[in-house]
Amino acid sequence: MKRVLIIAIAFLAFSCKKQEAVPAEKQAEPTTTEAAPSEGMPVEVQTPEQLGESIFKGKGTCVSCHKTDSKLIGPSLQDIAKMYKEKNGNIITFLKGESKPIVDPAQYALMQPNIVLTKTMTDEELKGLEAYVYSNLK
């Protein structure tokens, strides 16, 4: 029993070991492997709605709380689009954390971790999310 306890403590100690940070100038720059478009092949251009959809379903993690046509944890995209249109609200300023929620303010505390994420997004990504939300307006 003592042996198991000692092994467990040792494992925890080594797994929590703080690693030394490498200065920024010594870090290797990330490499990208973008293929050049083939000659004669059309380059695929994403519409803002397509970009917004990919963010919504991907890195934005929005899909975990929002559905298109019904409330999950947060309001549906249709409800969000309808309310922002009716109240002349700005989805982008909300996603930047610069305005208060218009739709279901009681749920805002649950949204705050995602606001931290959306604050790091580019204007193009935020415009894409906005376009995707409005594309679901019925």
C-alpha atoms as a PDB file:
ATOM      1  CA  MET A   1       0.000   0.000   0.000  1.00  0.00           C
ATOM      2  CA  LYS A   2       2.846   2.375   0.888  1.00  0.00           C
ATOM      3  CA  ARG A   3       4.501   1.622  -2.446  1.00  0.00           C
ATOM      4  CA  VAL A   4       1.350   2.575  -4.378  1.00  0.00           C
ATOM      5  CA  LEU A   5       0.989   5.780  -2.376  1.00  0.00           C
ATOM      6  CA  ILE A   6       4.631   6.744  -2.992  1.00  0.00           C
ATOM      7  CA  ILE A   7       4.295   6.032  -6.727  1.00  0.00           C
ATOM      8  CA  ALA A   8       1.108   8.118  -6.917  1.00  0.00           C
ATOM      9  CA  ILE A   9       2.739  11.060  -5.132  1.00  0.00           C
ATOM     10  CA  ALA A  10       5.817  10.828  -7.361  1.00  0.00           C
ATOM     11  CA  PHE A  11       3.627  10.729 -10.465  1.00  0.00           C
ATOM     12  CA  LEU A  12       1.711  13.821  -9.363  1.00  0.00           C
ATOM     13  CA  ALA A  13       4.905  15.677  -8.519  1.00  0.00           C
ATOM     14  CA  PHE A  14       6.472  14.981 -11.912  1.00  0.00           C
ATOM     15  CA  SER A  15       3.282  15.668 -13.873  1.00  0.00           C
ATOM     16  CA  CYS A  16       2.898  19.088 -12.220  1.00  0.00           C
ATOM     17  CA  LYS A  17       6.514  20.040 -12.894  1.00  0.00           C
ATOM     18  CA  LYS A  18       6.691  23.548 -14.327  1.00  0.00           C
ATOM     19  CA  GLN A  19       8.480  23.635 -17.657  1.00  0.00           C
ATOM     20  CA  GLU A  20      10.855  26.437 -18.486  1.00  0.00           C
ATOM     21  CA  ALA A  21       9.534  28.900 -21.059  1.00  0.00           C
ATOM     22  CA  VAL A  22      11.571  29.380 -24.214  1.00  0.00           C
ATOM     23  CA  PRO A  23      12.207  33.046 -25.113  1.00  0.00           C
ATOM     24  CA  ALA A  24      10.160  34.213 -28.090  1.00  0.00           C
ATOM     25  CA  GLU A  25      13.227  34.844 -30.247  1.00  0.00           C
ATOM     26  CA  LYS A  26      14.367  31.224 -29.786  1.00  0.00           C
ATOM     27  CA  GLN A  27      11.033  29.660 -30.642  1.00  0.00           C
ATOM     28  CA  ALA A  28      10.750  28.187 -34.086  1.00  0.00           C
ATOM     29  CA  GLU A  29       8.265  29.914 -36.318  1.00  0.00           C
ATOM     30  CA  PRO A  30       5.309  27.734 -37.227  1.00  0.00           C
ATOM     31  CA  THR A  31       5.466  26.368 -40.707  1.00  0.00           C
ATOM     32  CA  THR A  32       2.517  26.268 -42.999  1.00  0.00           C
ATOM     33  CA  THR A  33       2.113  23.953 -45.894  1.00  0.00           C
ATOM     34  CA  GLU A  34      -0.286  25.729 -48.166  1.00  0.00           C
ATOM     35  CA  ALA A  35      -0.520  24.235 -51.578  1.00  0.00           C
ATOM     36  CA  ALA A  36      -0.442  26.712 -54.396  1.00  0.00           C
ATOM     37  CA  PRO A  37      -3.578  26.596 -56.510  1.00  0.00           C
ATOM     38  CA  SER A  38      -3.110  24.482 -59.594  1.00  0.00           C
ATOM     39  CA  GLU A  39      -2.999  26.319 -62.860  1.00  0.00           C
ATOM     40  CA  GLY A  40      -6.395  26.328 -64.492  1.00  0.00           C
ATOM     41  CA  MET A  41      -8.150  25.250 -61.282  1.00  0.00           C
ATOM     42  CA  PRO A  42     -10.499  27.771 -59.676  1.00  0.00           C
ATOM     43  CA  VAL A  43      -9.510  28.977 -56.218  1.00  0.00           C
ATOM     44  CA  GLU A  44     -12.247  28.254 -53.682  1.00  0.00           C
ATOM     45  CA  VAL A  45     -13.372  31.446 -51.976  1.00  0.00           C
ATOM     46  CA  GLN A  46     -15.468  31.227 -48.826  1.00  0.00           C
ATOM     47  CA  THR A  47     -18.472  33.467 -48.469  1.00  0.00           C
ATOM     48  CA  PRO A  48     -18.867  35.219 -45.108  1.00  0.00           C
ATOM     49  CA  GLU A  49     -21.722  32.805 -44.302  1.00  0.00           C
ATOM     50  CA  GLN A  50     -19.503  29.781 -45.012  1.00  0.00           C
ATOM     51  CA  LEU A  51     -16.708  31.215 -42.862  1.00  0.00           C
ATOM     52  CA  GLY A  52     -19.190  31.935 -40.085  1.00  0.00           C
ATOM     53  CA  GLU A  53     -20.634  28.436 -40.273  1.00  0.00           C
ATOM     54  CA  SER A  54     -17.194  26.844 -40.050  1.00  0.00           C
ATOM     55  CA  ILE A  55     -16.353  28.993 -36.994  1.00  0.00           C
ATOM     56  CA  PHE A  56     -19.776  28.319 -35.442  1.00  0.00           C
ATOM     57  CA  LYS A  57     -19.332  24.564 -35.782  1.00  0.00           C
ATOM     58  CA  GLY A  58     -15.585  24.578 -35.141  1.00  0.00           C
ATOM     59  CA  LYS A  59     -13.282  26.790 -33.129  1.00  0.00           C
ATOM     60  CA  GLY A  60     -16.076  29.042 -31.898  1.00  0.00           C
ATOM     61  CA  THR A  61     -17.735  26.079 -30.132  1.00  0.00           C
ATOM     62  CA  CYS A  62     -21.058  27.893 -30.586  1.00  0.00           C
ATOM     63  CA  VAL A  63     -22.814  24.723 -31.720  1.00  0.00           C
ATOM     64  CA  SER A  64     -22.445  23.257 -28.229  1.00  0.00           C
ATOM     65  CA  CYS A  65     -25.019  25.747 -26.881  1.00  0.00           C
ATOM     66  CA  HIS A  66     -26.960  27.039 -29.913  1.00  0.00           C
ATOM     67  CA  LYS A  67     -29.114  25.309 -32.516  1.00  0.00           C
ATOM     68  CA  THR A  68     -30.521  26.808 -35.674  1.00  0.00           C
ATOM     69  CA  ASP A  69     -34.223  26.603 -34.882  1.00  0.00           C
ATOM     70  CA  SER A  70     -34.635  25.677 -31.219  1.00  0.00           C
ATOM     71  CA  LYS A  71     -33.211  26.627 -27.843  1.00  0.00           C
ATOM     72  CA  LEU A  72     -30.549  24.282 -26.517  1.00  0.00           C
ATOM     73  CA  ILE A  73     -28.634  25.985 -23.705  1.00  0.00           C
ATOM     74  CA  GLY A  74     -28.599  29.363 -25.418  1.00  0.00           C
ATOM     75  CA  PRO A  75     -31.211  30.842 -27.754  1.00  0.00           C
ATOM     76  CA  SER A  76     -31.600  29.580 -31.311  1.00  0.00           C
ATOM     77  CA  LEU A  77     -29.869  31.346 -34.187  1.00  0.00           C
ATOM     78  CA  GLN A  78     -33.280  32.286 -35.551  1.00  0.00           C
ATOM     79  CA  ASP A  79     -34.212  33.969 -32.256  1.00  0.00           C
ATOM     80  CA  ILE A  80     -30.862  35.758 -32.072  1.00  0.00           C
ATOM     81  CA  ALA A  81     -31.129  37.043 -35.642  1.00  0.00           C
ATOM     82  CA  LYS A  82     -34.751  38.112 -35.144  1.00  0.00           C
ATOM     83  CA  MET A  83     -34.058  40.018 -31.904  1.00  0.00           C
ATOM     84  CA  TYR A  84     -30.930  41.763 -33.188  1.00  0.00           C
ATOM     85  CA  LYS A  85     -32.755  42.789 -36.356  1.00  0.00           C
ATOM     86  CA  GLU A  86     -35.847  44.034 -34.469  1.00  0.00           C
ATOM     87  CA  LYS A  87     -33.814  45.984 -31.915  1.00  0.00           C
ATOM     88  CA  ASN A  88     -31.226  47.179 -34.435  1.00  0.00           C
ATOM     89  CA  GLY A  89     -28.519  45.531 -32.337  1.00  0.00           C
ATOM     90  CA  ASN A  90     -24.948  44.835 -33.342  1.00  0.00           C
ATOM     91  CA  ILE A  91     -23.887  41.199 -32.985  1.00  0.00           C
ATOM     92  CA  ILE A  92     -20.225  42.020 -33.589  1.00  0.00           C
ATOM     93  CA  THR A  93     -19.991  44.525 -30.725  1.00  0.00           C
ATOM     94  CA  PHE A  94     -21.633  41.943 -28.457  1.00  0.00           C
ATOM     95  CA  LEU A  95     -19.132  39.270 -29.525  1.00  0.00           C
ATOM     96  CA  LYS A  96     -16.302  41.739 -28.860  1.00  0.00           C
ATOM     97  CA  GLY A  97     -17.684  42.215 -25.341  1.00  0.00           C
ATOM     98  CA  GLU A  98     -18.486  45.855 -26.044  1.00  0.00           C
ATOM     99  CA  SER A  99     -22.264  45.712 -25.642  1.00  0.00           C
ATOM    100  CA  LYS A 100     -24.794  44.017 -23.406  1.00  0.00           C
ATOM    101  CA  PRO A 101     -26.771  40.966 -24.506  1.00  0.00           C
ATOM    102  CA  ILE A 102     -30.104  41.609 -26.148  1.00  0.00           C
ATOM    103  CA  VAL A 103     -31.355  38.017 -26.305  1.00  0.00           C
ATOM    104  CA  ASP A 104     -31.867  36.163 -23.004  1.00  0.00           C
ATOM    105  CA  PRO A 105     -29.621  38.302 -20.743  1.00  0.00           C
ATOM    106  CA  ALA A 106     -30.163  35.814 -17.892  1.00  0.00           C
ATOM    107  CA  GLN A 107     -28.011  33.301 -19.804  1.00  0.00           C
ATOM    108  CA  TYR A 108     -25.140  35.759 -20.319  1.00  0.00           C
ATOM    109  CA  ALA A 109     -23.044  34.285 -17.498  1.00  0.00           C
ATOM    110  CA  LEU A 110     -22.909  31.006 -19.428  1.00  0.00           C
ATOM    111  CA  MET A 111     -21.769  32.844 -22.557  1.00  0.00           C
ATOM    112  CA  GLN A 112     -18.907  34.769 -20.915  1.00  0.00           C
ATOM    113  CA  PRO A 113     -16.221  32.075 -21.472  1.00  0.00           C
ATOM    114  CA  ASN A 114     -17.041  32.174 -25.180  1.00  0.00           C
ATOM    115  CA  ILE A 115     -16.866  35.973 -25.227  1.00  0.00           C
ATOM    116  CA  VAL A 116     -13.238  35.596 -24.142  1.00  0.00           C
ATOM    117  CA  LEU A 117     -12.758  33.443 -27.253  1.00  0.00           C
ATOM    118  CA  THR A 118     -14.659  35.720 -29.631  1.00  0.00           C
ATOM    119  CA  LYS A 119     -12.650  38.732 -28.436  1.00  0.00           C
ATOM    120  CA  THR A 120      -9.586  37.074 -29.994  1.00  0.00           C
ATOM    121  CA  MET A 121     -11.246  36.661 -33.399  1.00  0.00           C
ATOM    122  CA  THR A 122     -10.516  38.891 -36.366  1.00  0.00           C
ATOM    123  CA  ASP A 123     -13.098  41.336 -37.707  1.00  0.00           C
ATOM    124  CA  GLU A 124     -13.472  39.083 -40.752  1.00  0.00           C
ATOM    125  CA  GLU A 125     -14.281  36.086 -38.541  1.00  0.00           C
ATOM    126  CA  LEU A 126     -16.779  38.102 -36.501  1.00  0.00           C
ATOM    127  CA  LYS A 127     -18.441  39.401 -39.672  1.00  0.00           C
ATOM    128  CA  GLY A 128     -18.642  35.808 -40.859  1.00  0.00           C
ATOM    129  CA  LEU A 129     -20.349  34.725 -37.634  1.00  0.00           C
ATOM    130  CA  GLU A 130     -22.770  37.627 -37.928  1.00  0.00           C
ATOM    131  CA  ALA A 131     -23.528  36.742 -41.553  1.00  0.00           C
ATOM    132  CA  TYR A 132     -24.113  33.110 -40.596  1.00  0.00           C
ATOM    133  CA  VAL A 133     -26.482  34.061 -37.769  1.00  0.00           C
ATOM    134  CA  TYR A 134     -28.474  36.366 -40.078  1.00  0.00           C
ATOM    135  CA  SER A 135     -28.556  33.678 -42.794  1.00  0.00           C
ATOM    136  CA  ASN A 136     -30.740  31.639 -40.432  1.00  0.00           C
ATOM    137  CA  LEU A 137     -33.373  34.373 -40.149  1.00  0.00           C
ATOM    138  CA  LYS A 138     -36.788  33.058 -41.146  1.00  0.00           C
END
